[in-house]
Amino acid sequence: MKLILASASPRRKELLEMLRVPELEICPALGEETPQPGLAPDALALALSRCKAEEVAARRAGADDVVIGADTVVSIDGETLGKPKDEADARRMLTALSGRTHSVYTGVTVIRGARTLCHAERSDVRFRALEESEIDRYIATGEPMDKAGAYGAQGLASLFVERLEGDFFNVMGLPLCALGKLLNCVDVKLL
């Protein structure tokens, strides 16, 4: 049995390595992450995670392998924020998050054989008020460009986070407690 991560995210890979997952294979989904209009943020994160997991399972998984798909979105004021398209988009997102609380949703899908299990996790994050110059300096580091909501709470943006309610690892892109429960349901024990 192999555990196959259907993601190119270095953060998700690091988290699974932290758990000492044996025989971890990284096999990113090839499809484009296409937001589906009208879906609530939790449903969107779930749909995208399931799409990734199903694509990789059909292409790479053996009968006993386990595929993990995950996708993270940020939501504020009814708007869902994915990865920024460019620096201007990152600036717009960070400005919207400044001094406010937003929600981070990660959808997780686990596939083993004929079993498909899905879960959406929510965490609420409060940013302190940010100065424009701070936002510009943060964007100049390049860190926000491949992250939902244009920030990484585990990196330099940790300086922005005043409060977090929920699973911290969810904000990093993979809610480990929820993942452990899903894996237990398909007879994969990490501990």
N, C-alpha and C. Protein backbone atom coordinates (compact mmCIF):
# COMPACT_ATOMS: atom_id res chain seq x y z
N MET A 1 0.83 -1.18 0.00
CA MET A 1 0.00 0.00 0.00
C MET A 1 0.88 1.25 0.00
N LYS A 2 0.52 2.17 -0.91
CA LYS A 2 1.16 3.48 -0.97
C LYS A 2 0.14 4.52 -0.58
N LEU A 3 0.62 5.62 -0.01
CA LEU A 3 -0.21 6.79 0.22
C LEU A 3 0.19 7.78 -0.86
N ILE A 4 -0.77 8.19 -1.69
CA ILE A 4 -0.49 9.07 -2.82
C ILE A 4 -1.14 10.43 -2.56
N LEU A 5 -0.33 11.47 -2.52
CA LEU A 5 -0.83 12.82 -2.34
C LEU A 5 -1.07 13.44 -3.71
N ALA A 6 -2.32 13.78 -4.00
CA ALA A 6 -2.70 14.35 -5.30
C ALA A 6 -2.53 15.86 -5.27
N SER A 7 -1.33 16.31 -4.94
CA SER A 7 -1.07 17.74 -4.77
C SER A 7 0.42 18.00 -4.94
N ALA A 8 0.72 19.17 -5.51
CA ALA A 8 2.12 19.60 -5.63
C ALA A 8 2.52 20.51 -4.47
N SER A 9 1.62 20.71 -3.52
CA SER A 9 1.88 21.63 -2.41
C SER A 9 3.03 21.15 -1.54
N PRO A 10 4.10 21.95 -1.44
CA PRO A 10 5.20 21.55 -0.56
C PRO A 10 4.78 21.52 0.91
N ARG A 11 3.80 22.35 1.27
CA ARG A 11 3.32 22.35 2.66
C ARG A 11 2.60 21.05 3.00
N ARG A 12 1.76 20.57 2.11
CA ARG A 12 1.06 19.31 2.38
C ARG A 12 2.06 18.15 2.45
N LYS A 13 3.03 18.17 1.58
CA LYS A 13 4.06 17.13 1.60
C LYS A 13 4.81 17.18 2.94
N GLU A 14 5.20 18.37 3.38
CA GLU A 14 5.91 18.52 4.67
C GLU A 14 5.08 17.99 5.83
N LEU A 15 3.78 18.28 5.82
CA LEU A 15 2.92 17.84 6.91
C LEU A 15 2.82 16.32 6.95
N LEU A 16 2.69 15.69 5.79
CA LEU A 16 2.63 14.23 5.76
C LEU A 16 3.97 13.62 6.16
N GLU A 17 5.06 14.24 5.76
CA GLU A 17 6.39 13.76 6.18
C GLU A 17 6.57 13.92 7.69
N MET A 18 6.00 15.00 8.25
CA MET A 18 6.07 15.21 9.70
C MET A 18 5.38 14.06 10.43
N LEU A 19 4.33 13.51 9.82
CA LEU A 19 3.61 12.38 10.41
C LEU A 19 4.29 11.04 10.13
N ARG A 20 5.44 11.10 9.46
CA ARG A 20 6.22 9.90 9.13
C ARG A 20 5.41 8.89 8.31
N VAL A 21 4.67 9.43 7.35
CA VAL A 21 3.87 8.57 6.48
C VAL A 21 4.81 7.68 5.67
N PRO A 22 4.64 6.36 5.79
CA PRO A 22 5.49 5.46 5.02
C PRO A 22 5.04 5.42 3.56
N GLU A 23 5.96 5.22 2.67
CA GLU A 23 5.69 5.08 1.25
C GLU A 23 4.78 6.17 0.70
N LEU A 24 5.19 7.40 0.93
CA LEU A 24 4.45 8.55 0.42
C LEU A 24 4.90 8.83 -1.02
N GLU A 25 3.93 8.97 -1.90
CA GLU A 25 4.20 9.32 -3.29
C GLU A 25 3.48 10.62 -3.60
N ILE A 26 4.17 11.53 -4.26
CA ILE A 26 3.57 12.80 -4.66
C ILE A 26 3.20 12.69 -6.13
N CYS A 27 1.92 12.86 -6.41
CA CYS A 27 1.43 12.75 -7.78
C CYS A 27 0.37 13.83 -8.00
N PRO A 28 0.79 15.04 -8.36
CA PRO A 28 -0.17 16.13 -8.51
C PRO A 28 -1.22 15.83 -9.58
N ALA A 29 -2.43 16.28 -9.31
CA ALA A 29 -3.49 16.20 -10.32
C ALA A 29 -3.09 17.08 -11.49
N LEU A 30 -3.46 16.67 -12.68
CA LEU A 30 -3.09 17.41 -13.88
C LEU A 30 -4.13 18.44 -14.28
N GLY A 31 -5.35 18.27 -13.81
CA GLY A 31 -6.44 19.17 -14.18
C GLY A 31 -6.28 20.56 -13.60
N GLU A 32 -6.92 21.50 -14.23
CA GLU A 32 -6.92 22.89 -13.78
C GLU A 32 -7.88 23.06 -12.61
N GLU A 33 -7.47 23.81 -11.58
CA GLU A 33 -8.38 24.12 -10.47
C GLU A 33 -9.34 25.19 -10.95
N THR A 34 -10.55 24.78 -11.28
CA THR A 34 -11.54 25.71 -11.82
C THR A 34 -12.63 25.96 -10.80
N PRO A 35 -12.71 27.19 -10.28
CA PRO A 35 -13.78 27.50 -9.33
C PRO A 35 -15.14 27.31 -9.98
N GLN A 36 -16.04 26.71 -9.24
CA GLN A 36 -17.39 26.50 -9.74
C GLN A 36 -18.28 27.58 -9.16
N PRO A 37 -18.87 28.40 -10.02
CA PRO A 37 -19.67 29.52 -9.53
C PRO A 37 -20.87 29.04 -8.70
N GLY A 38 -21.16 29.81 -7.67
CA GLY A 38 -22.35 29.53 -6.87
C GLY A 38 -22.16 28.57 -5.73
N LEU A 39 -21.01 27.91 -5.64
CA LEU A 39 -20.79 26.98 -4.53
C LEU A 39 -20.33 27.73 -3.29
N ALA A 40 -20.82 27.30 -2.14
CA ALA A 40 -20.33 27.83 -0.87
C ALA A 40 -18.86 27.45 -0.74
N PRO A 41 -18.07 28.20 0.03
CA PRO A 41 -16.63 27.91 0.11
C PRO A 41 -16.30 26.49 0.56
N ASP A 42 -17.04 25.95 1.53
CA ASP A 42 -16.76 24.58 1.97
C ASP A 42 -17.07 23.58 0.86
N ALA A 43 -18.16 23.80 0.14
CA ALA A 43 -18.53 22.90 -0.96
C ALA A 43 -17.53 23.01 -2.11
N LEU A 44 -17.03 24.22 -2.36
CA LEU A 44 -16.03 24.41 -3.41
C LEU A 44 -14.74 23.67 -3.06
N ALA A 45 -14.27 23.84 -1.81
CA ALA A 45 -13.04 23.16 -1.39
C ALA A 45 -13.21 21.64 -1.50
N LEU A 46 -14.38 21.14 -1.10
CA LEU A 46 -14.65 19.70 -1.21
C LEU A 46 -14.65 19.24 -2.67
N ALA A 47 -15.35 19.98 -3.52
CA ALA A 47 -15.44 19.59 -4.93
C ALA A 47 -14.07 19.55 -5.59
N LEU A 48 -13.25 20.55 -5.30
CA LEU A 48 -11.91 20.59 -5.89
C LEU A 48 -11.03 19.46 -5.35
N SER A 49 -11.13 19.18 -4.05
CA SER A 49 -10.32 18.10 -3.48
C SER A 49 -10.73 16.75 -4.06
N ARG A 50 -12.02 16.56 -4.22
CA ARG A 50 -12.53 15.29 -4.76
C ARG A 50 -12.11 15.11 -6.22
N CYS A 51 -12.18 16.20 -6.97
CA CYS A 51 -11.78 16.16 -8.38
C CYS A 51 -10.31 15.75 -8.50
N LYS A 52 -9.45 16.33 -7.69
CA LYS A 52 -8.02 15.98 -7.71
C LYS A 52 -7.81 14.52 -7.34
N ALA A 53 -8.44 14.09 -6.26
CA ALA A 53 -8.25 12.72 -5.79
C ALA A 53 -8.76 11.70 -6.81
N GLU A 54 -9.91 11.96 -7.39
CA GLU A 54 -10.47 11.02 -8.36
C GLU A 54 -9.61 10.93 -9.62
N GLU A 55 -9.10 12.08 -10.06
CA GLU A 55 -8.25 12.06 -11.25
C GLU A 55 -6.98 11.24 -11.01
N VAL A 56 -6.34 11.46 -9.89
CA VAL A 56 -5.10 10.73 -9.59
C VAL A 56 -5.40 9.26 -9.31
N ALA A 57 -6.48 8.96 -8.62
CA ALA A 57 -6.84 7.56 -8.35
C ALA A 57 -7.07 6.80 -9.65
N ALA A 58 -7.73 7.41 -10.61
CA ALA A 58 -8.00 6.75 -11.89
C ALA A 58 -6.71 6.54 -12.69
N ARG A 59 -5.75 7.41 -12.51
CA ARG A 59 -4.52 7.38 -13.30
C ARG A 59 -3.41 6.57 -12.66
N ARG A 60 -3.33 6.59 -11.30
CA ARG A 60 -2.14 6.05 -10.66
C ARG A 60 -2.34 5.00 -9.57
N ALA A 61 -3.50 4.94 -8.97
CA ALA A 61 -3.65 4.13 -7.77
C ALA A 61 -3.82 2.65 -8.09
N GLY A 62 -3.12 1.82 -7.28
CA GLY A 62 -3.34 0.39 -7.32
C GLY A 62 -4.52 0.06 -6.41
N ALA A 63 -4.94 -1.18 -6.41
CA ALA A 63 -6.14 -1.60 -5.67
C ALA A 63 -6.08 -1.27 -4.19
N ASP A 64 -4.88 -1.32 -3.60
CA ASP A 64 -4.77 -1.12 -2.16
C ASP A 64 -4.19 0.25 -1.79
N ASP A 65 -3.91 1.08 -2.79
CA ASP A 65 -3.34 2.39 -2.52
C ASP A 65 -4.39 3.35 -1.99
N VAL A 66 -3.91 4.38 -1.30
CA VAL A 66 -4.78 5.41 -0.74
C VAL A 66 -4.38 6.74 -1.36
N VAL A 67 -5.37 7.43 -1.93
CA VAL A 67 -5.13 8.73 -2.55
C VAL A 67 -5.74 9.81 -1.67
N ILE A 68 -4.96 10.87 -1.44
CA ILE A 68 -5.42 12.02 -0.67
C ILE A 68 -5.45 13.24 -1.58
N GLY A 69 -6.61 13.84 -1.70
CA GLY A 69 -6.75 15.11 -2.42
C GLY A 69 -7.12 16.19 -1.44
N ALA A 70 -6.61 17.40 -1.65
CA ALA A 70 -6.94 18.51 -0.75
C ALA A 70 -6.95 19.80 -1.55
N ASP A 71 -7.82 20.71 -1.12
CA ASP A 71 -7.84 22.04 -1.72
C ASP A 71 -8.29 23.04 -0.66
N THR A 72 -7.67 24.20 -0.65
CA THR A 72 -7.93 25.22 0.36
C THR A 72 -8.41 26.50 -0.29
N VAL A 73 -9.45 27.10 0.30
CA VAL A 73 -9.92 28.41 -0.14
C VAL A 73 -10.11 29.29 1.10
N VAL A 74 -10.03 30.58 0.88
CA VAL A 74 -10.24 31.58 1.92
C VAL A 74 -11.52 32.32 1.57
N SER A 75 -12.31 32.66 2.58
CA SER A 75 -13.57 33.34 2.33
C SER A 75 -13.72 34.54 3.25
N ILE A 76 -14.12 35.66 2.65
CA ILE A 76 -14.42 36.87 3.42
C ILE A 76 -15.51 37.64 2.68
N ASP A 77 -16.49 38.09 3.42
CA ASP A 77 -17.59 38.89 2.85
C ASP A 77 -18.27 38.19 1.68
N GLY A 78 -18.39 36.88 1.74
CA GLY A 78 -19.05 36.14 0.68
C GLY A 78 -18.20 35.92 -0.56
N GLU A 79 -16.97 36.40 -0.56
CA GLU A 79 -16.06 36.19 -1.69
C GLU A 79 -15.09 35.07 -1.35
N THR A 80 -14.90 34.19 -2.30
CA THR A 80 -13.94 33.11 -2.13
C THR A 80 -12.63 33.51 -2.78
N LEU A 81 -11.55 33.42 -2.00
CA LEU A 81 -10.22 33.80 -2.49
C LEU A 81 -9.38 32.54 -2.70
N GLY A 82 -8.94 32.34 -3.90
CA GLY A 82 -8.00 31.26 -4.18
C GLY A 82 -6.60 31.83 -4.20
N LYS A 83 -5.76 31.29 -5.08
CA LYS A 83 -4.41 31.81 -5.23
C LYS A 83 -4.46 33.09 -6.05
N PRO A 84 -3.64 34.08 -5.71
CA PRO A 84 -3.67 35.33 -6.48
C PRO A 84 -3.15 35.12 -7.90
N LYS A 85 -3.74 35.87 -8.83
CA LYS A 85 -3.33 35.78 -10.24
C LYS A 85 -2.01 36.52 -10.48
N ASP A 86 -1.83 37.60 -9.71
CA ASP A 86 -0.64 38.43 -9.87
C ASP A 86 -0.47 39.26 -8.59
N GLU A 87 0.52 40.14 -8.59
CA GLU A 87 0.80 40.94 -7.40
C GLU A 87 -0.35 41.87 -7.04
N ALA A 88 -1.00 42.43 -8.04
CA ALA A 88 -2.13 43.32 -7.78
C ALA A 88 -3.27 42.56 -7.10
N ASP A 89 -3.50 41.34 -7.54
CA ASP A 89 -4.54 40.50 -6.93
C ASP A 89 -4.17 40.14 -5.50
N ALA A 90 -2.90 39.84 -5.26
CA ALA A 90 -2.43 39.54 -3.90
C ALA A 90 -2.63 40.76 -3.00
N ARG A 91 -2.31 41.94 -3.50
CA ARG A 91 -2.48 43.18 -2.73
C ARG A 91 -3.97 43.39 -2.40
N ARG A 92 -4.84 43.15 -3.36
CA ARG A 92 -6.28 43.29 -3.14
C ARG A 92 -6.75 42.35 -2.03
N MET A 93 -6.29 41.10 -2.08
CA MET A 93 -6.69 40.11 -1.08
C MET A 93 -6.20 40.49 0.31
N LEU A 94 -4.92 40.81 0.42
CA LEU A 94 -4.34 41.14 1.73
C LEU A 94 -4.97 42.40 2.32
N THR A 95 -5.29 43.36 1.46
CA THR A 95 -5.97 44.57 1.92
C THR A 95 -7.36 44.22 2.47
N ALA A 96 -8.06 43.32 1.81
CA ALA A 96 -9.39 42.90 2.27
C ALA A 96 -9.31 42.16 3.61
N LEU A 97 -8.23 41.42 3.85
CA LEU A 97 -8.08 40.64 5.09
C LEU A 97 -7.57 41.49 6.26
N SER A 98 -6.97 42.62 5.97
CA SER A 98 -6.35 43.47 6.98
C SER A 98 -7.33 43.91 8.06
N GLY A 99 -6.98 43.61 9.33
CA GLY A 99 -7.78 44.05 10.46
C GLY A 99 -9.10 43.32 10.62
N ARG A 100 -9.25 42.17 9.96
CA ARG A 100 -10.54 41.48 9.93
C ARG A 100 -10.38 39.98 10.15
N THR A 101 -11.50 39.33 10.37
CA THR A 101 -11.53 37.87 10.50
C THR A 101 -12.06 37.27 9.21
N HIS A 102 -11.42 36.22 8.77
CA HIS A 102 -11.86 35.50 7.58
C HIS A 102 -11.87 34.00 7.89
N SER A 103 -12.44 33.23 7.00
CA SER A 103 -12.52 31.78 7.18
C SER A 103 -11.66 31.07 6.14
N VAL A 104 -11.01 30.01 6.59
CA VAL A 104 -10.20 29.16 5.71
C VAL A 104 -10.86 27.79 5.69
N TYR A 105 -11.13 27.31 4.49
CA TYR A 105 -11.76 26.00 4.31
C TYR A 105 -10.81 25.10 3.53
N THR A 106 -10.60 23.91 4.03
CA THR A 106 -9.86 22.92 3.26
C THR A 106 -10.75 21.70 3.09
N GLY A 107 -10.92 21.32 1.84
CA GLY A 107 -11.62 20.08 1.53
C GLY A 107 -10.59 18.97 1.44
N VAL A 108 -10.90 17.82 2.03
CA VAL A 108 -10.01 16.66 1.97
C VAL A 108 -10.81 15.47 1.46
N THR A 109 -10.25 14.77 0.49
CA THR A 109 -10.87 13.55 -0.03
C THR A 109 -9.86 12.42 0.08
N VAL A 110 -10.31 11.29 0.60
CA VAL A 110 -9.50 10.09 0.71
C VAL A 110 -10.18 8.99 -0.10
N ILE A 111 -9.43 8.38 -1.00
CA ILE A 111 -9.95 7.29 -1.81
C ILE A 111 -9.09 6.05 -1.59
N ARG A 112 -9.76 4.95 -1.28
CA ARG A 112 -9.10 3.65 -1.20
C ARG A 112 -10.04 2.63 -1.82
N GLY A 113 -9.63 2.10 -2.95
CA GLY A 113 -10.48 1.15 -3.66
C GLY A 113 -11.80 1.82 -4.03
N ALA A 114 -12.91 1.19 -3.65
CA ALA A 114 -14.24 1.71 -3.97
C ALA A 114 -14.73 2.74 -2.96
N ARG A 115 -13.95 2.98 -1.89
CA ARG A 115 -14.39 3.91 -0.84
C ARG A 115 -13.85 5.32 -1.10
N THR A 116 -14.75 6.27 -1.03
CA THR A 116 -14.39 7.69 -1.14
C THR A 116 -14.98 8.42 0.05
N LEU A 117 -14.12 9.05 0.83
CA LEU A 117 -14.55 9.80 2.01
C LEU A 117 -14.12 11.26 1.85
N CYS A 118 -15.02 12.17 2.22
CA CYS A 118 -14.73 13.60 2.07
C CYS A 118 -15.05 14.34 3.36
N HIS A 119 -14.31 15.41 3.58
CA HIS A 119 -14.53 16.26 4.75
C HIS A 119 -14.07 17.67 4.43
N ALA A 120 -14.82 18.66 4.92
CA ALA A 120 -14.39 20.07 4.80
C ALA A 120 -14.16 20.60 6.21
N GLU A 121 -13.02 21.21 6.41
CA GLU A 121 -12.64 21.78 7.70
C GLU A 121 -12.65 23.30 7.59
N ARG A 122 -13.09 23.97 8.66
CA ARG A 122 -13.10 25.43 8.69
C ARG A 122 -12.29 25.92 9.88
N SER A 123 -11.48 26.94 9.62
CA SER A 123 -10.77 27.67 10.68
C SER A 123 -11.01 29.15 10.45
N ASP A 124 -11.10 29.91 11.52
CA ASP A 124 -11.28 31.35 11.42
C ASP A 124 -9.99 32.04 11.85
N VAL A 125 -9.55 32.99 11.03
CA VAL A 125 -8.27 33.67 11.25
C VAL A 125 -8.51 35.17 11.31
N ARG A 126 -7.94 35.80 12.33
CA ARG A 126 -8.03 37.26 12.45
C ARG A 126 -6.66 37.86 12.17
N PHE A 127 -6.63 38.78 11.21
CA PHE A 127 -5.42 39.54 10.89
C PHE A 127 -5.43 40.85 11.67
N ARG A 128 -4.27 41.30 12.11
CA ARG A 128 -4.16 42.65 12.63
C ARG A 128 -4.22 43.61 11.44
N ALA A 129 -4.41 44.88 11.72
CA ALA A 129 -4.42 45.89 10.65
C ALA A 129 -3.03 45.95 10.02
N LEU A 130 -3.00 45.92 8.71
CA LEU A 130 -1.73 45.93 7.97
C LEU A 130 -1.51 47.28 7.30
N GLU A 131 -0.28 47.73 7.30
CA GLU A 131 0.07 48.95 6.57
C GLU A 131 0.34 48.58 5.11
N GLU A 132 0.06 49.52 4.23
CA GLU A 132 0.29 49.27 2.80
C GLU A 132 1.74 48.86 2.53
N SER A 133 2.68 49.52 3.22
CA SER A 133 4.09 49.20 3.01
C SER A 133 4.41 47.76 3.44
N GLU A 134 3.75 47.27 4.50
CA GLU A 134 3.94 45.88 4.93
C GLU A 134 3.44 44.91 3.87
N ILE A 135 2.28 45.23 3.34
CA ILE A 135 1.70 44.39 2.29
C ILE A 135 2.66 44.34 1.10
N ASP A 136 3.17 45.49 0.69
CA ASP A 136 4.10 45.55 -0.45
C ASP A 136 5.37 44.74 -0.18
N ARG A 137 5.92 44.87 1.03
CA ARG A 137 7.14 44.13 1.36
C ARG A 137 6.86 42.63 1.39
N TYR A 138 5.70 42.25 1.91
CA TYR A 138 5.35 40.83 1.95
C TYR A 138 5.19 40.27 0.54
N ILE A 139 4.51 40.99 -0.31
CA ILE A 139 4.34 40.54 -1.70
C ILE A 139 5.70 40.42 -2.38
N ALA A 140 6.62 41.35 -2.10
CA ALA A 140 7.95 41.32 -2.71
C ALA A 140 8.73 40.06 -2.36
N THR A 141 8.38 39.39 -1.25
CA THR A 141 9.07 38.14 -0.89
C THR A 141 8.66 36.99 -1.80
N GLY A 142 7.53 37.12 -2.50
CA GLY A 142 7.03 36.05 -3.35
C GLY A 142 6.21 35.02 -2.61
N GLU A 143 6.23 35.04 -1.27
CA GLU A 143 5.53 34.03 -0.49
C GLU A 143 4.03 33.92 -0.77
N PRO A 144 3.33 35.03 -0.98
CA PRO A 144 1.88 34.91 -1.13
C PRO A 144 1.39 34.37 -2.47
N MET A 145 2.27 34.23 -3.44
CA MET A 145 1.81 34.00 -4.80
C MET A 145 1.25 32.61 -5.08
N ASP A 146 1.56 31.61 -4.25
CA ASP A 146 1.04 30.27 -4.52
C ASP A 146 0.12 29.78 -3.40
N LYS A 147 -0.49 30.73 -2.70
CA LYS A 147 -1.28 30.36 -1.53
C LYS A 147 -2.67 30.98 -1.60
N ALA A 148 -3.67 30.20 -1.20
CA ALA A 148 -5.04 30.71 -1.13
C ALA A 148 -5.09 31.90 -0.18
N GLY A 149 -5.76 32.96 -0.60
CA GLY A 149 -5.86 34.16 0.23
C GLY A 149 -4.60 34.99 0.23
N ALA A 150 -3.59 34.58 -0.52
CA ALA A 150 -2.32 35.31 -0.68
C ALA A 150 -1.48 35.38 0.59
N TYR A 151 -1.55 34.33 1.43
CA TYR A 151 -0.67 34.33 2.59
C TYR A 151 -0.43 32.91 3.09
N GLY A 152 0.69 32.76 3.79
CA GLY A 152 1.02 31.51 4.45
C GLY A 152 1.19 31.77 5.94
N ALA A 153 0.26 31.26 6.74
CA ALA A 153 0.30 31.51 8.19
C ALA A 153 1.53 30.89 8.84
N GLN A 154 2.14 29.90 8.19
CA GLN A 154 3.31 29.24 8.74
C GLN A 154 4.60 29.97 8.36
N GLY A 155 4.48 31.01 7.55
CA GLY A 155 5.66 31.75 7.09
C GLY A 155 5.67 33.17 7.63
N LEU A 156 6.07 34.09 6.77
CA LEU A 156 6.17 35.50 7.18
C LEU A 156 4.83 36.09 7.59
N ALA A 157 3.73 35.59 7.03
CA ALA A 157 2.41 36.12 7.39
C ALA A 157 2.01 35.74 8.81
N SER A 158 2.81 34.90 9.46
CA SER A 158 2.53 34.63 10.88
C SER A 158 2.59 35.93 11.67
N LEU A 159 3.28 36.93 11.15
CA LEU A 159 3.36 38.24 11.80
C LEU A 159 2.03 39.00 11.71
N PHE A 160 1.11 38.53 10.85
CA PHE A 160 -0.18 39.20 10.66
C PHE A 160 -1.29 38.57 11.50
N VAL A 161 -1.12 37.32 11.90
CA VAL A 161 -2.20 36.55 12.52
C VAL A 161 -2.31 36.88 14.01
N GLU A 162 -3.41 37.55 14.37
CA GLU A 162 -3.66 37.88 15.78
C GLU A 162 -4.31 36.72 16.52
N ARG A 163 -5.19 36.00 15.83
CA ARG A 163 -5.95 34.94 16.49
C ARG A 163 -6.35 33.90 15.44
N LEU A 164 -6.41 32.67 15.89
CA LEU A 164 -6.83 31.58 15.02
C LEU A 164 -7.73 30.65 15.82
N GLU A 165 -8.89 30.37 15.30
CA GLU A 165 -9.80 29.41 15.93
C GLU A 165 -9.98 28.25 14.98
N GLY A 166 -9.65 27.05 15.46
CA GLY A 166 -9.75 25.86 14.63
C GLY A 166 -8.40 25.21 14.46
N ASP A 167 -8.30 24.38 13.48
CA ASP A 167 -7.10 23.59 13.21
C ASP A 167 -6.07 24.45 12.48
N PHE A 168 -4.93 24.69 13.11
CA PHE A 168 -3.86 25.48 12.48
C PHE A 168 -3.40 24.82 11.17
N PHE A 169 -3.31 23.49 11.18
CA PHE A 169 -2.83 22.79 9.99
C PHE A 169 -3.81 22.94 8.83
N ASN A 170 -5.08 23.16 9.14
CA ASN A 170 -6.07 23.46 8.11
C ASN A 170 -5.68 24.73 7.36
N VAL A 171 -5.21 25.73 8.11
CA VAL A 171 -4.81 26.99 7.49
C VAL A 171 -3.58 26.78 6.62
N MET A 172 -2.76 25.80 6.95
CA MET A 172 -1.59 25.46 6.13
C MET A 172 -1.99 24.64 4.90
N GLY A 173 -3.22 24.09 4.90
CA GLY A 173 -3.68 23.39 3.71
C GLY A 173 -4.00 21.92 3.89
N LEU A 174 -3.87 21.39 5.13
CA LEU A 174 -4.19 19.98 5.34
C LEU A 174 -4.56 19.75 6.81
N PRO A 175 -5.86 19.69 7.12
CA PRO A 175 -6.28 19.49 8.51
C PRO A 175 -5.92 18.08 8.98
N LEU A 176 -4.87 17.97 9.76
CA LEU A 176 -4.31 16.66 10.10
C LEU A 176 -5.23 15.81 10.97
N CYS A 177 -5.92 16.41 11.91
CA CYS A 177 -6.82 15.63 12.77
C CYS A 177 -7.93 15.02 11.92
N ALA A 178 -8.56 15.81 11.07
CA ALA A 178 -9.62 15.31 10.20
C ALA A 178 -9.08 14.25 9.23
N LEU A 179 -7.88 14.50 8.68
CA LEU A 179 -7.28 13.52 7.77
C LEU A 179 -7.04 12.20 8.50
N GLY A 180 -6.53 12.26 9.73
CA GLY A 180 -6.29 11.04 10.49
C GLY A 180 -7.57 10.24 10.68
N LYS A 181 -8.67 10.92 10.95
CA LYS A 181 -9.96 10.23 11.11
C LYS A 181 -10.40 9.57 9.81
N LEU A 182 -10.24 10.27 8.69
CA LEU A 182 -10.60 9.69 7.39
C LEU A 182 -9.74 8.47 7.08
N LEU A 183 -8.45 8.58 7.34
CA LEU A 183 -7.55 7.46 7.08
C LEU A 183 -7.89 6.26 7.97
N ASN A 184 -8.25 6.52 9.23
CA ASN A 184 -8.67 5.42 10.11
C ASN A 184 -9.86 4.68 9.52
N CYS A 185 -10.78 5.42 8.89
CA CYS A 185 -11.98 4.81 8.31
C CYS A 185 -11.66 3.89 7.13
N VAL A 186 -10.48 4.08 6.51
CA VAL A 186 -10.09 3.18 5.40
C VAL A 186 -8.93 2.28 5.85
N ASP A 187 -8.85 2.06 7.17
CA ASP A 187 -7.88 1.12 7.76
C ASP A 187 -6.42 1.52 7.57
N VAL A 188 -6.15 2.81 7.62
CA VAL A 188 -4.78 3.30 7.60
C VAL A 188 -4.53 3.97 8.94
N LYS A 189 -3.63 3.39 9.71
CA LYS A 189 -3.31 3.91 11.04
C LYS A 189 -1.93 4.59 10.97
N LEU A 190 -1.91 5.89 11.24
CA LEU A 190 -0.64 6.63 11.17
C LEU A 190 0.13 6.56 12.49
N LEU A 191 -0.55 6.15 13.55
CA LEU A 191 0.11 6.08 14.86
C LEU A 191 -0.12 4.73 15.48
